Amino acid sequence: MLTERLFRTDGLPPADRFDCWRERVSGTHAPLDLLSDHRADFLASQRVLDLGAVSVWPTTFQPVRFRRTPKLIRQSDPEGLHLSLPLHGALRAVRGKEETVHGPDSLCVVDSSRPFDVHAGDDSRPHTGIGLEVPKALLPLPRHAFDRVTAARLSTREGFGALLAQLLTQLAKDTSPYQAADGPRLGTVMIDLLSALLAHALDAENSLPPETHQQALVLRIRAFVQQHLHDPQLTPCTIAAAHHISRSYLYRLFEREEESIAAWIRGQRLEHARRDLAHPAMRTTPIHAIAARWCFTHAADFTRAFRRAYGMAPREYRSVAHRPQ
């Protein structure tokens, strides 16, 4: 499991909750002024997932206003970029005379080096969202581009924004598939994906190094494969055609990965079959039907591949998975 820190105010004396929350948020991002009508008995929780130089923090809190002033910037500036993905409740960002409202369909971006004023939640409901904290030095964009970044509307409905939102929500929901050593690797994926998203939004793709372009393309391909694992027509040829690249270039992209594209697809299908075999709701589903669901048309081939991957036959695995504890 990933390294994780949890903070909740409900275990603190009511009079201390708001000040402790303000210190916590200022320590996670940058020193901030916080204002709230609920400070007499403030309820909030925050998990911080450490991904190397990057951190992800799912959080829920009562309505609050965050302000980063020129005075606070002069006092301390970690030079970080913070992205917020609202899940429940809107974020209203005020920059000068401009105001932008963000919901689950867009990311709110603030820069610790620039003043901002963000209103989170409303008078009746807590705000729930996911924050992403990234040092600006790790993003291969010109320094002057960050002014435009904070003003850009980054959609989570499609493209790189959708991929980033999916990864953030998946991590917030369940970190059990990962080990602590996977944290920095996930941080690198976040940085590559965010770099591509920002460059796309600013129409500045030429500022990205080639390896970032390639990693972003690999991420798009992996997401495409996951969406089409059920399709027996999913092959390197169809994947390459869907992404407007040659099959040979697709193979070269995956030369730096742990597995070839074909081996990775096969491994993903086996893993989904394994989960189905262990799922209580599919306990009576014939094994050959589960195999066919994941495009293994020959039972003997499926059994050999499954045994090679998991050290036992599918029938034996199902028996062990459903054995009473």
C-alpha atoms as a PDB file:
ATOM      1  CA  MET A   1       0.000   0.000   0.000  1.00  0.00           C
ATOM      2  CA  LEU A   2       1.174   3.549  -0.691  1.00  0.00           C
ATOM      3  CA  THR A   3       2.576   5.718   2.095  1.00  0.00           C
ATOM      4  CA  GLU A   4      -0.381   7.643   3.444  1.00  0.00           C
ATOM      5  CA  ARG A   5      -1.014  10.206   6.188  1.00  0.00           C
ATOM      6  CA  LEU A   6      -4.478  10.850   7.628  1.00  0.00           C
ATOM      7  CA  PHE A   7      -5.718  13.945   9.438  1.00  0.00           C
ATOM      8  CA  ARG A   8      -9.190  14.508  10.896  1.00  0.00           C
ATOM      9  CA  THR A   9     -10.512  17.350  13.009  1.00  0.00           C
ATOM     10  CA  ASP A  10     -13.310  15.405  14.698  1.00  0.00           C
ATOM     11  CA  GLY A  11     -10.888  14.044  17.306  1.00  0.00           C
ATOM     12  CA  LEU A  12      -9.817  17.542  18.352  1.00  0.00           C
ATOM     13  CA  PRO A  13     -11.496  20.000  20.763  1.00  0.00           C
ATOM     14  CA  PRO A  14     -14.008  22.064  18.735  1.00  0.00           C
ATOM     15  CA  ALA A  15     -12.216  25.330  19.521  1.00  0.00           C
ATOM     16  CA  ASP A  16      -8.943  24.012  18.014  1.00  0.00           C
ATOM     17  CA  ARG A  17     -10.282  22.397  14.869  1.00  0.00           C
ATOM     18  CA  PHE A  18     -10.207  25.298  12.452  1.00  0.00           C
ATOM     19  CA  ASP A  19      -6.724  26.505  13.425  1.00  0.00           C
ATOM     20  CA  CYS A  20      -5.353  22.968  13.159  1.00  0.00           C
ATOM     21  CA  TRP A  21      -6.943  22.583   9.732  1.00  0.00           C
ATOM     22  CA  ARG A  22      -5.460  25.884   8.562  1.00  0.00           C
ATOM     23  CA  GLU A  23      -1.996  24.783   9.700  1.00  0.00           C
ATOM     24  CA  ARG A  24      -2.455  21.418   8.007  1.00  0.00           C
ATOM     25  CA  VAL A  25      -3.492  22.884   4.649  1.00  0.00           C
ATOM     26  CA  SER A  26      -0.760  25.542   4.782  1.00  0.00           C
ATOM     27  CA  GLY A  27       1.803  22.838   5.445  1.00  0.00           C
ATOM     28  CA  THR A  28       0.551  20.661   2.604  1.00  0.00           C
ATOM     29  CA  HIS A  29       0.443  23.453   0.002  1.00  0.00           C
ATOM     30  CA  ALA A  30       1.686  26.878   1.075  1.00  0.00           C
ATOM     31  CA  PRO A  31       0.834  29.399   3.830  1.00  0.00           C
ATOM     32  CA  LEU A  32      -2.789  30.517   3.381  1.00  0.00           C
ATOM     33  CA  ASP A  33      -5.425  32.694   4.978  1.00  0.00           C
ATOM     34  CA  LEU A  34      -8.575  30.654   5.635  1.00  0.00           C
ATOM     35  CA  LEU A  35     -12.016  32.065   6.352  1.00  0.00           C
ATOM     36  CA  SER A  36     -15.145  30.118   7.257  1.00  0.00           C
ATOM     37  CA  ASP A  37     -18.527  30.584   8.884  1.00  0.00           C
ATOM     38  CA  HIS A  38     -18.041  27.156  10.494  1.00  0.00           C
ATOM     39  CA  ARG A  39     -14.817  27.797  12.385  1.00  0.00           C
ATOM     40  CA  ALA A  40     -16.451  27.377  15.805  1.00  0.00           C
ATOM     41  CA  ASP A  41     -16.803  23.643  15.161  1.00  0.00           C
ATOM     42  CA  PHE A  42     -14.973  22.911  11.917  1.00  0.00           C
ATOM     43  CA  LEU A  43     -15.139  19.401  10.473  1.00  0.00           C
ATOM     44  CA  ALA A  44     -12.569  18.273   7.905  1.00  0.00           C
ATOM     45  CA  SER A  45     -10.523  15.256   6.899  1.00  0.00           C
ATOM     46  CA  GLN A  46      -7.505  14.870   4.643  1.00  0.00           C
ATOM     47  CA  ARG A  47      -5.449  11.935   3.383  1.00  0.00           C
ATOM     48  CA  VAL A  48      -2.055  12.677   1.869  1.00  0.00           C
ATOM     49  CA  LEU A  49      -0.628  10.072  -0.499  1.00  0.00           C
ATOM     50  CA  ASP A  50       3.121  10.467  -0.963  1.00  0.00           C
ATOM     51  CA  LEU A  51       4.197   9.837  -4.572  1.00  0.00           C
ATOM     52  CA  GLY A  52       7.811  10.927  -4.376  1.00  0.00           C
ATOM     53  CA  ALA A  53       7.997  14.635  -5.196  1.00  0.00           C
ATOM     54  CA  VAL A  54       4.251  14.647  -5.917  1.00  0.00           C
ATOM     55  CA  SER A  55       1.416  14.342  -3.432  1.00  0.00           C
ATOM     56  CA  VAL A  56      -2.269  13.553  -3.878  1.00  0.00           C
ATOM     57  CA  TRP A  57      -4.713  14.483  -1.167  1.00  0.00           C
ATOM     58  CA  PRO A  58      -8.361  13.444  -1.048  1.00  0.00           C
ATOM     59  CA  THR A  59     -10.174  15.764   1.321  1.00  0.00           C
ATOM     60  CA  THR A  60     -13.589  16.694   2.710  1.00  0.00           C
ATOM     61  CA  PHE A  61     -14.279  19.891   4.642  1.00  0.00           C
ATOM     62  CA  GLN A  62     -16.968  22.400   5.492  1.00  0.00           C
ATOM     63  CA  PRO A  63     -17.267  25.509   3.300  1.00  0.00           C
ATOM     64  CA  VAL A  64     -14.139  27.644   3.469  1.00  0.00           C
ATOM     65  CA  ARG A  65     -12.362  30.435   1.612  1.00  0.00           C
ATOM     66  CA  PHE A  66      -8.644  30.068   0.782  1.00  0.00           C
ATOM     67  CA  ARG A  67      -6.569  33.192   0.159  1.00  0.00           C
ATOM     68  CA  ARG A  68      -2.938  33.420  -0.903  1.00  0.00           C
ATOM     69  CA  THR A  69      -1.833  37.049  -0.594  1.00  0.00           C
ATOM     70  CA  PRO A  70       1.277  38.896  -1.837  1.00  0.00           C
ATOM     71  CA  LYS A  71       2.429  39.193   1.786  1.00  0.00           C
ATOM     72  CA  LEU A  72       2.227  35.405   2.296  1.00  0.00           C
ATOM     73  CA  ILE A  73       4.037  34.828  -0.998  1.00  0.00           C
ATOM     74  CA  ARG A  74       6.899  37.093   0.127  1.00  0.00           C
ATOM     75  CA  GLN A  75       7.126  35.218   3.415  1.00  0.00           C
ATOM     76  CA  SER A  76       7.297  31.735   1.886  1.00  0.00           C
ATOM     77  CA  ASP A  77       6.913  30.238  -1.575  1.00  0.00           C
ATOM     78  CA  PRO A  78       7.424  26.509  -2.251  1.00  0.00           C
ATOM     79  CA  GLU A  79       6.903  27.245  -5.974  1.00  0.00           C
ATOM     80  CA  GLY A  80       4.288  24.583  -6.435  1.00  0.00           C
ATOM     81  CA  LEU A  81       1.297  24.084  -8.666  1.00  0.00           C
ATOM     82  CA  HIS A  82      -1.881  22.795  -7.049  1.00  0.00           C
ATOM     83  CA  LEU A  83      -4.740  21.227  -8.992  1.00  0.00           C
ATOM     84  CA  SER A  84      -8.108  20.543  -7.405  1.00  0.00           C
ATOM     85  CA  LEU A  85     -10.672  18.095  -8.762  1.00  0.00           C
ATOM     86  CA  PRO A  86     -14.056  18.854  -7.139  1.00  0.00           C
ATOM     87  CA  LEU A  87     -16.203  15.775  -6.543  1.00  0.00           C
ATOM     88  CA  HIS A  88     -19.057  17.265  -4.481  1.00  0.00           C
ATOM     89  CA  GLY A  89     -19.523  20.998  -4.241  1.00  0.00           C
ATOM     90  CA  ALA A  90     -18.109  23.687  -6.497  1.00  0.00           C
ATOM     91  CA  LEU A  91     -14.869  25.652  -6.369  1.00  0.00           C
ATOM     92  CA  ARG A  92     -15.105  29.344  -7.204  1.00  0.00           C
ATOM     93  CA  ALA A  93     -11.750  30.882  -8.134  1.00  0.00           C
ATOM     94  CA  VAL A  94     -11.481  34.683  -8.143  1.00  0.00           C
ATOM     95  CA  ARG A  95      -8.488  36.280  -9.863  1.00  0.00           C
ATOM     96  CA  GLY A  96      -8.789  40.031 -10.071  1.00  0.00           C
ATOM     97  CA  LYS A  97     -12.046  40.815 -11.877  1.00  0.00           C
ATOM     98  CA  GLU A  98     -12.368  37.305 -13.312  1.00  0.00           C
ATOM     99  CA  GLU A  99     -14.268  34.490 -11.620  1.00  0.00           C
ATOM    100  CA  THR A 100     -14.305  30.837 -12.673  1.00  0.00           C
ATOM    101  CA  VAL A 101     -16.533  28.116 -11.251  1.00  0.00           C
ATOM    102  CA  HIS A 102     -15.234  24.539 -11.296  1.00  0.00           C
ATOM    103  CA  GLY A 103     -17.182  21.316 -10.844  1.00  0.00           C
ATOM    104  CA  PRO A 104     -16.282  17.672 -11.493  1.00  0.00           C
ATOM    105  CA  ASP A 105     -15.917  18.472 -15.204  1.00  0.00           C
ATOM    106  CA  SER A 106     -12.843  20.685 -14.783  1.00  0.00           C
ATOM    107  CA  LEU A 107      -9.678  21.156 -12.742  1.00  0.00           C
ATOM    108  CA  CYS A 108      -9.003  24.276 -10.707  1.00  0.00           C
ATOM    109  CA  VAL A 109      -5.333  25.308 -10.875  1.00  0.00           C
ATOM    110  CA  VAL A 110      -3.535  27.676  -8.487  1.00  0.00           C
ATOM    111  CA  ASP A 111       0.108  28.702  -8.358  1.00  0.00           C
ATOM    112  CA  SER A 112       1.777  29.243  -4.977  1.00  0.00           C
ATOM    113  CA  SER A 113       3.800  32.102  -6.540  1.00  0.00           C
ATOM    114  CA  ARG A 114       0.678  34.072  -7.479  1.00  0.00           C
ATOM    115  CA  PRO A 115      -2.170  35.486  -5.376  1.00  0.00           C
ATOM    116  CA  PHE A 116      -5.466  33.617  -5.480  1.00  0.00           C
ATOM    117  CA  ASP A 117      -8.831  33.592  -3.776  1.00  0.00           C
ATOM    118  CA  VAL A 118     -10.772  30.307  -3.894  1.00  0.00           C
ATOM    119  CA  HIS A 119     -14.198  29.685  -2.349  1.00  0.00           C
ATOM    120  CA  ALA A 120     -14.973  25.999  -1.699  1.00  0.00           C
ATOM    121  CA  GLY A 121     -18.376  24.525  -0.917  1.00  0.00           C
ATOM    122  CA  ASP A 122     -21.592  26.326  -0.120  1.00  0.00           C
ATOM    123  CA  ASP A 123     -23.504  27.142   3.066  1.00  0.00           C
ATOM    124  CA  SER A 124     -25.274  23.796   3.347  1.00  0.00           C
ATOM    125  CA  ARG A 125     -22.921  21.010   2.237  1.00  0.00           C
ATOM    126  CA  PRO A 126     -19.273  20.042   2.810  1.00  0.00           C
ATOM    127  CA  HIS A 127     -16.876  20.144  -0.096  1.00  0.00           C
ATOM    128  CA  THR A 128     -15.223  16.920  -1.261  1.00  0.00           C
ATOM    129  CA  GLY A 129     -12.376  16.825  -3.746  1.00  0.00           C
ATOM    130  CA  ILE A 130      -8.912  15.594  -4.619  1.00  0.00           C
ATOM    131  CA  GLY A 131      -5.828  17.795  -4.649  1.00  0.00           C
ATOM    132  CA  LEU A 132      -2.646  17.251  -6.660  1.00  0.00           C
ATOM    133  CA  GLU A 133       0.514  19.052  -5.571  1.00  0.00           C
ATOM    134  CA  VAL A 134       3.428  19.254  -8.043  1.00  0.00           C
ATOM    135  CA  PRO A 135       6.649  21.322  -7.899  1.00  0.00           C
ATOM    136  CA  LYS A 136       6.733  23.646 -10.894  1.00  0.00           C
ATOM    137  CA  ALA A 137      10.393  22.813 -11.449  1.00  0.00           C
ATOM    138  CA  LEU A 138       9.335  19.301 -12.522  1.00  0.00           C
ATOM    139  CA  LEU A 139       6.999  20.568 -15.248  1.00  0.00           C
ATOM    140  CA  PRO A 140       8.811  21.188 -18.570  1.00  0.00           C
ATOM    141  CA  LEU A 141       7.010  24.429 -19.372  1.00  0.00           C
ATOM    142  CA  PRO A 142       8.403  27.973 -19.765  1.00  0.00           C
ATOM    143  CA  ARG A 143       8.061  30.019 -16.565  1.00  0.00           C
ATOM    144  CA  HIS A 144       5.951  32.635 -18.331  1.00  0.00           C
ATOM    145  CA  ALA A 145       3.425  29.924 -19.251  1.00  0.00           C
ATOM    146  CA  PHE A 146       2.230  29.475 -15.660  1.00  0.00           C
ATOM    147  CA  ASP A 147       0.234  32.722 -15.813  1.00  0.00           C
ATOM    148  CA  ARG A 148      -1.799  31.201 -18.638  1.00  0.00           C
ATOM    149  CA  VAL A 149      -2.003  27.818 -16.903  1.00  0.00           C
ATOM    150  CA  THR A 150      -3.896  29.178 -13.902  1.00  0.00           C
ATOM    151  CA  ALA A 151      -6.358  30.957 -16.193  1.00  0.00           C
ATOM    152  CA  ALA A 152      -6.946  27.921 -18.436  1.00  0.00           C
ATOM    153  CA  ARG A 153     -10.040  25.760 -18.073  1.00  0.00           C
ATOM    154  CA  LEU A 154      -8.812  22.174 -17.969  1.00  0.00           C
ATOM    155  CA  SER A 155     -11.618  19.799 -18.884  1.00  0.00           C
ATOM    156  CA  THR A 156     -11.819  16.341 -17.301  1.00  0.00           C
ATOM    157  CA  ARG A 157     -14.328  15.079 -19.869  1.00  0.00           C
ATOM    158  CA  GLU A 158     -11.850  14.041 -22.535  1.00  0.00           C
ATOM    159  CA  GLY A 159      -8.212  13.640 -23.464  1.00  0.00           C
ATOM    160  CA  PHE A 160      -5.406  14.085 -20.958  1.00  0.00           C
ATOM    161  CA  GLY A 161      -7.740  15.731 -18.438  1.00  0.00           C
ATOM    162  CA  ALA A 162      -9.985  12.666 -18.369  1.00  0.00           C
ATOM    163  CA  LEU A 163      -6.974  10.369 -17.909  1.00  0.00           C
ATOM    164  CA  LEU A 164      -5.627  12.468 -15.057  1.00  0.00           C
ATOM    165  CA  ALA A 165      -9.027  12.633 -13.347  1.00  0.00           C
ATOM    166  CA  GLN A 166      -9.442   8.863 -13.675  1.00  0.00           C
ATOM    167  CA  LEU A 167      -6.053   8.236 -12.097  1.00  0.00           C
ATOM    168  CA  LEU A 168      -6.716  10.667  -9.239  1.00  0.00           C
ATOM    169  CA  THR A 169     -10.119   9.179  -8.430  1.00  0.00           C
ATOM    170  CA  GLN A 170      -8.784   5.623  -8.645  1.00  0.00           C
ATOM    171  CA  LEU A 171      -5.978   6.428  -6.200  1.00  0.00           C
ATOM    172  CA  ALA A 172      -8.378   8.209  -3.848  1.00  0.00           C
ATOM    173  CA  LYS A 173     -10.706   5.211  -3.900  1.00  0.00           C
ATOM    174  CA  ASP A 174      -8.226   2.372  -3.454  1.00  0.00           C
ATOM    175  CA  THR A 175      -4.445   2.265  -2.993  1.00  0.00           C
ATOM    176  CA  SER A 176      -4.301  -1.452  -2.146  1.00  0.00           C
ATOM    177  CA  PRO A 177      -3.014  -2.582  -5.596  1.00  0.00           C
ATOM    178  CA  TYR A 178       0.183  -0.555  -5.019  1.00  0.00           C
ATOM    179  CA  GLN A 179       3.255  -0.971  -2.848  1.00  0.00           C
ATOM    180  CA  ALA A 180       5.081   1.907  -1.164  1.00  0.00           C
ATOM    181  CA  ALA A 181       7.832   1.573  -3.797  1.00  0.00           C
ATOM    182  CA  ASP A 182       5.263   2.324  -6.510  1.00  0.00           C
ATOM    183  CA  GLY A 183       4.739   5.863  -5.151  1.00  0.00           C
ATOM    184  CA  PRO A 184       7.579   7.585  -7.058  1.00  0.00           C
ATOM    185  CA  ARG A 185       6.625   5.703 -10.240  1.00  0.00           C
ATOM    186  CA  LEU A 186       3.057   6.959  -9.941  1.00  0.00           C
ATOM    187  CA  GLY A 187       4.419  10.437  -9.283  1.00  0.00           C
ATOM    188  CA  THR A 188       6.338  10.280 -12.560  1.00  0.00           C
ATOM    189  CA  VAL A 189       3.185   9.207 -14.393  1.00  0.00           C
ATOM    190  CA  MET A 190       1.304  12.152 -12.831  1.00  0.00           C
ATOM    191  CA  ILE A 191       4.004  14.605 -13.922  1.00  0.00           C
ATOM    192  CA  ASP A 192       4.091  13.299 -17.506  1.00  0.00           C
ATOM    193  CA  LEU A 193       0.320  13.341 -17.792  1.00  0.00           C
ATOM    194  CA  LEU A 194      -0.009  16.801 -16.256  1.00  0.00           C
ATOM    195  CA  SER A 195       2.751  18.161 -18.495  1.00  0.00           C
ATOM    196  CA  ALA A 196       0.954  16.899 -21.572  1.00  0.00           C
ATOM    197  CA  LEU A 197      -2.388  18.275 -20.335  1.00  0.00           C
ATOM    198  CA  LEU A 198      -0.976  21.745 -19.687  1.00  0.00           C
ATOM    199  CA  ALA A 199       0.935  21.850 -22.944  1.00  0.00           C
ATOM    200  CA  HIS A 200      -2.172  20.799 -24.849  1.00  0.00           C
ATOM    201  CA  ALA A 201      -4.247  23.451 -23.081  1.00  0.00           C
ATOM    202  CA  LEU A 202      -1.684  26.136 -23.876  1.00  0.00           C
ATOM    203  CA  ASP A 203      -1.053  24.870 -27.408  1.00  0.00           C
ATOM    204  CA  ALA A 204       2.603  24.592 -26.481  1.00  0.00           C
ATOM    205  CA  GLU A 205       3.328  20.958 -27.236  1.00  0.00           C
ATOM    206  CA  ASN A 206       6.691  21.861 -28.736  1.00  0.00           C
ATOM    207  CA  SER A 207       7.927  22.819 -25.266  1.00  0.00           C
ATOM    208  CA  LEU A 208       7.646  19.225 -24.063  1.00  0.00           C
ATOM    209  CA  PRO A 209      10.565  16.816 -24.263  1.00  0.00           C
ATOM    210  CA  PRO A 210      10.003  13.834 -26.617  1.00  0.00           C
ATOM    211  CA  GLU A 211       9.955  11.343 -23.739  1.00  0.00           C
ATOM    212  CA  THR A 212       6.993  13.170 -22.157  1.00  0.00           C
ATOM    213  CA  HIS A 213       5.082  13.031 -25.447  1.00  0.00           C
ATOM    214  CA  GLN A 214       5.796   9.324 -25.646  1.00  0.00           C
ATOM    215  CA  GLN A 215       4.798   8.592 -22.058  1.00  0.00           C
ATOM    216  CA  ALA A 216       1.539  10.500 -22.488  1.00  0.00           C
ATOM    217  CA  LEU A 217       0.811   8.468 -25.621  1.00  0.00           C
ATOM    218  CA  VAL A 218       1.527   5.227 -23.746  1.00  0.00           C
ATOM    219  CA  LEU A 219      -0.930   6.297 -21.046  1.00  0.00           C
ATOM    220  CA  ARG A 220      -3.600   6.999 -23.653  1.00  0.00           C
ATOM    221  CA  ILE A 221      -2.981   3.599 -25.224  1.00  0.00           C
ATOM    222  CA  ARG A 222      -3.225   1.824 -21.867  1.00  0.00           C
ATOM    223  CA  ALA A 223      -6.520   3.569 -21.126  1.00  0.00           C
ATOM    224  CA  PHE A 224      -7.832   2.608 -24.571  1.00  0.00           C
ATOM    225  CA  VAL A 225      -6.865  -1.028 -24.012  1.00  0.00           C
ATOM    226  CA  GLN A 226      -8.602  -1.137 -20.636  1.00  0.00           C
ATOM    227  CA  GLN A 227     -11.794   0.137 -22.254  1.00  0.00           C
ATOM    228  CA  HIS A 228     -11.666  -2.503 -24.995  1.00  0.00           C
ATOM    229  CA  LEU A 229     -10.351  -5.606 -23.220  1.00  0.00           C
ATOM    230  CA  HIS A 230     -13.618  -7.444 -23.950  1.00  0.00           C
ATOM    231  CA  ASP A 231     -13.212  -6.892 -27.691  1.00  0.00           C
ATOM    232  CA  PRO A 232     -11.668  -9.894 -29.491  1.00  0.00           C
ATOM    233  CA  GLN A 233     -10.668  -7.494 -32.281  1.00  0.00           C
ATOM    234  CA  LEU A 234      -8.311  -5.636 -29.928  1.00  0.00           C
ATOM    235  CA  THR A 235      -4.901  -6.191 -31.527  1.00  0.00           C
ATOM    236  CA  PRO A 236      -1.717  -4.148 -32.006  1.00  0.00           C
ATOM    237  CA  CYS A 237      -2.992  -3.260 -35.482  1.00  0.00           C
ATOM    238  CA  THR A 238      -6.326  -1.877 -34.254  1.00  0.00           C
ATOM    239  CA  ILE A 239      -4.631  -0.050 -31.362  1.00  0.00           C
ATOM    240  CA  ALA A 240      -2.123   1.582 -33.701  1.00  0.00           C
ATOM    241  CA  ALA A 241      -4.882   2.598 -36.125  1.00  0.00           C
ATOM    242  CA  ALA A 242      -6.974   4.113 -33.315  1.00  0.00           C
ATOM    243  CA  HIS A 243      -4.041   6.305 -32.289  1.00  0.00           C
ATOM    244  CA  HIS A 244      -2.917   7.187 -35.818  1.00  0.00           C
ATOM    245  CA  ILE A 245       0.509   5.584 -35.470  1.00  0.00           C
ATOM    246  CA  SER A 246       2.196   2.663 -37.210  1.00  0.00           C
ATOM    247  CA  ARG A 247       2.328  -0.776 -35.641  1.00  0.00           C
ATOM    248  CA  SER A 248       6.131  -0.620 -35.603  1.00  0.00           C
ATOM    249  CA  TYR A 249       6.026   2.670 -33.673  1.00  0.00           C
ATOM    250  CA  LEU A 250       3.587   1.109 -31.196  1.00  0.00           C
ATOM    251  CA  TYR A 251       6.074  -1.711 -30.605  1.00  0.00           C
ATOM    252  CA  ARG A 252       8.900   0.809 -30.111  1.00  0.00           C
ATOM    253  CA  LEU A 253       6.845   2.728 -27.545  1.00  0.00           C
ATOM    254  CA  PHE A 254       6.517  -0.408 -25.436  1.00  0.00           C
ATOM    255  CA  GLU A 255      10.184  -1.401 -25.731  1.00  0.00           C
ATOM    256  CA  ARG A 256      10.832   0.807 -22.668  1.00  0.00           C
ATOM    257  CA  GLU A 257       7.949  -0.733 -20.743  1.00  0.00           C
ATOM    258  CA  GLU A 258       8.165  -3.883 -18.644  1.00  0.00           C
ATOM    259  CA  GLU A 259       6.160  -5.897 -21.197  1.00  0.00           C
ATOM    260  CA  SER A 260       5.364  -5.785 -24.879  1.00  0.00           C
ATOM    261  CA  ILE A 261       1.920  -4.482 -25.815  1.00  0.00           C
ATOM    262  CA  ALA A 262       0.671  -7.998 -26.655  1.00  0.00           C
ATOM    263  CA  ALA A 263       1.996  -9.458 -23.390  1.00  0.00           C
ATOM    264  CA  TRP A 264       0.464  -6.618 -21.398  1.00  0.00           C
ATOM    265  CA  ILE A 265      -2.960  -7.107 -23.009  1.00  0.00           C
ATOM    266  CA  ARG A 266      -2.806 -10.822 -22.294  1.00  0.00           C
ATOM    267  CA  GLY A 267      -1.773 -10.148 -18.697  1.00  0.00           C
ATOM    268  CA  GLN A 268      -4.632  -7.682 -18.191  1.00  0.00           C
ATOM    269  CA  ARG A 269      -7.144 -10.168 -19.540  1.00  0.00           C
ATOM    270  CA  LEU A 270      -5.803 -12.889 -17.252  1.00  0.00           C
ATOM    271  CA  GLU A 271      -5.995 -10.547 -14.275  1.00  0.00           C
ATOM    272  CA  HIS A 272      -9.626  -9.690 -15.009  1.00  0.00           C
ATOM    273  CA  ALA A 273     -10.422 -13.383 -15.376  1.00  0.00           C
ATOM    274  CA  ARG A 274      -8.745 -14.048 -12.039  1.00  0.00           C
ATOM    275  CA  ARG A 275     -10.890 -11.379 -10.367  1.00  0.00           C
ATOM    276  CA  ASP A 276     -14.022 -12.901 -11.869  1.00  0.00           C
ATOM    277  CA  LEU A 277     -13.086 -16.338 -10.577  1.00  0.00           C
ATOM    278  CA  ALA A 278     -12.747 -14.919  -7.066  1.00  0.00           C
ATOM    279  CA  HIS A 279     -15.889 -12.754  -7.209  1.00  0.00           C
ATOM    280  CA  PRO A 280     -18.757 -14.163  -5.087  1.00  0.00           C
ATOM    281  CA  ALA A 281     -21.382 -13.060  -7.620  1.00  0.00           C
ATOM    282  CA  MET A 282     -19.688 -15.160 -10.349  1.00  0.00           C
ATOM    283  CA  ARG A 283     -19.151 -18.243  -8.252  1.00  0.00           C
ATOM    284  CA  THR A 284     -21.481 -20.363 -10.410  1.00  0.00           C
ATOM    285  CA  THR A 285     -20.418 -18.932 -13.772  1.00  0.00           C
ATOM    286  CA  PRO A 286     -18.685 -21.663 -15.803  1.00  0.00           C
ATOM    287  CA  ILE A 287     -14.950 -21.195 -16.082  1.00  0.00           C
ATOM    288  CA  HIS A 288     -15.077 -21.435 -19.878  1.00  0.00           C
ATOM    289  CA  ALA A 289     -17.615 -18.566 -19.903  1.00  0.00           C
ATOM    290  CA  ILE A 290     -15.295 -16.385 -17.837  1.00  0.00           C
ATOM    291  CA  ALA A 291     -12.410 -17.263 -20.130  1.00  0.00           C
ATOM    292  CA  ALA A 292     -14.463 -16.379 -23.217  1.00  0.00           C
ATOM    293  CA  ARG A 293     -15.536 -13.112 -21.592  1.00  0.00           C
ATOM    294  CA  TRP A 294     -11.886 -12.087 -21.634  1.00  0.00           C
ATOM    295  CA  CYS A 295     -11.236 -13.374 -25.150  1.00  0.00           C
ATOM    296  CA  PHE A 296      -9.690 -16.757 -24.299  1.00  0.00           C
ATOM    297  CA  THR A 297     -11.533 -18.955 -26.800  1.00  0.00           C
ATOM    298  CA  HIS A 298      -9.685 -22.212 -26.100  1.00  0.00           C
ATOM    299  CA  ALA A 299     -10.061 -23.649 -22.596  1.00  0.00           C
ATOM    300  CA  ALA A 300      -6.718 -25.466 -22.682  1.00  0.00           C
ATOM    301  CA  ASP A 301      -4.846 -22.298 -23.692  1.00  0.00           C
ATOM    302  CA  PHE A 302      -6.551 -20.366 -20.912  1.00  0.00           C
ATOM    303  CA  THR A 303      -5.683 -23.006 -18.310  1.00  0.00           C
ATOM    304  CA  ARG A 304      -2.014 -23.076 -19.359  1.00  0.00           C
ATOM    305  CA  ALA A 305      -1.723 -19.286 -19.359  1.00  0.00           C
ATOM    306  CA  PHE A 306      -3.506 -18.988 -16.010  1.00  0.00           C
ATOM    307  CA  ARG A 307      -1.308 -21.652 -14.392  1.00  0.00           C
ATOM    308  CA  ARG A 308       1.812 -19.953 -15.732  1.00  0.00           C
ATOM    309  CA  ALA A 309       0.699 -16.587 -14.321  1.00  0.00           C
ATOM    310  CA  TYR A 310      -0.725 -17.664 -10.934  1.00  0.00           C
ATOM    311  CA  GLY A 311       0.830 -21.032 -10.177  1.00  0.00           C
ATOM    312  CA  MET A 312      -2.409 -23.039 -10.202  1.00  0.00           C
ATOM    313  CA  ALA A 313      -5.225 -23.999 -12.548  1.00  0.00           C
ATOM    314  CA  PRO A 314      -8.339 -21.770 -12.732  1.00  0.00           C
ATOM    315  CA  ARG A 315     -10.539 -24.401 -11.030  1.00  0.00           C
ATOM    316  CA  GLU A 316      -8.075 -24.755  -8.156  1.00  0.00           C
ATOM    317  CA  TYR A 317      -7.767 -20.975  -7.802  1.00  0.00           C
ATOM    318  CA  ARG A 318     -11.551 -20.565  -7.616  1.00  0.00           C
ATOM    319  CA  SER A 319     -11.759 -23.281  -4.957  1.00  0.00           C
ATOM    320  CA  VAL A 320      -9.111 -21.570  -2.815  1.00  0.00           C
ATOM    321  CA  ALA A 321     -10.642 -18.108  -3.303  1.00  0.00           C
ATOM    322  CA  HIS A 322     -14.063 -19.237  -2.087  1.00  0.00           C
ATOM    323  CA  ARG A 323     -12.841 -21.433   0.732  1.00  0.00           C
ATOM    324  CA  PRO A 324     -14.368 -20.350   4.078  1.00  0.00           C
ATOM    325  CA  GLN A 325     -11.913 -18.432   6.234  1.00  0.00           C
END
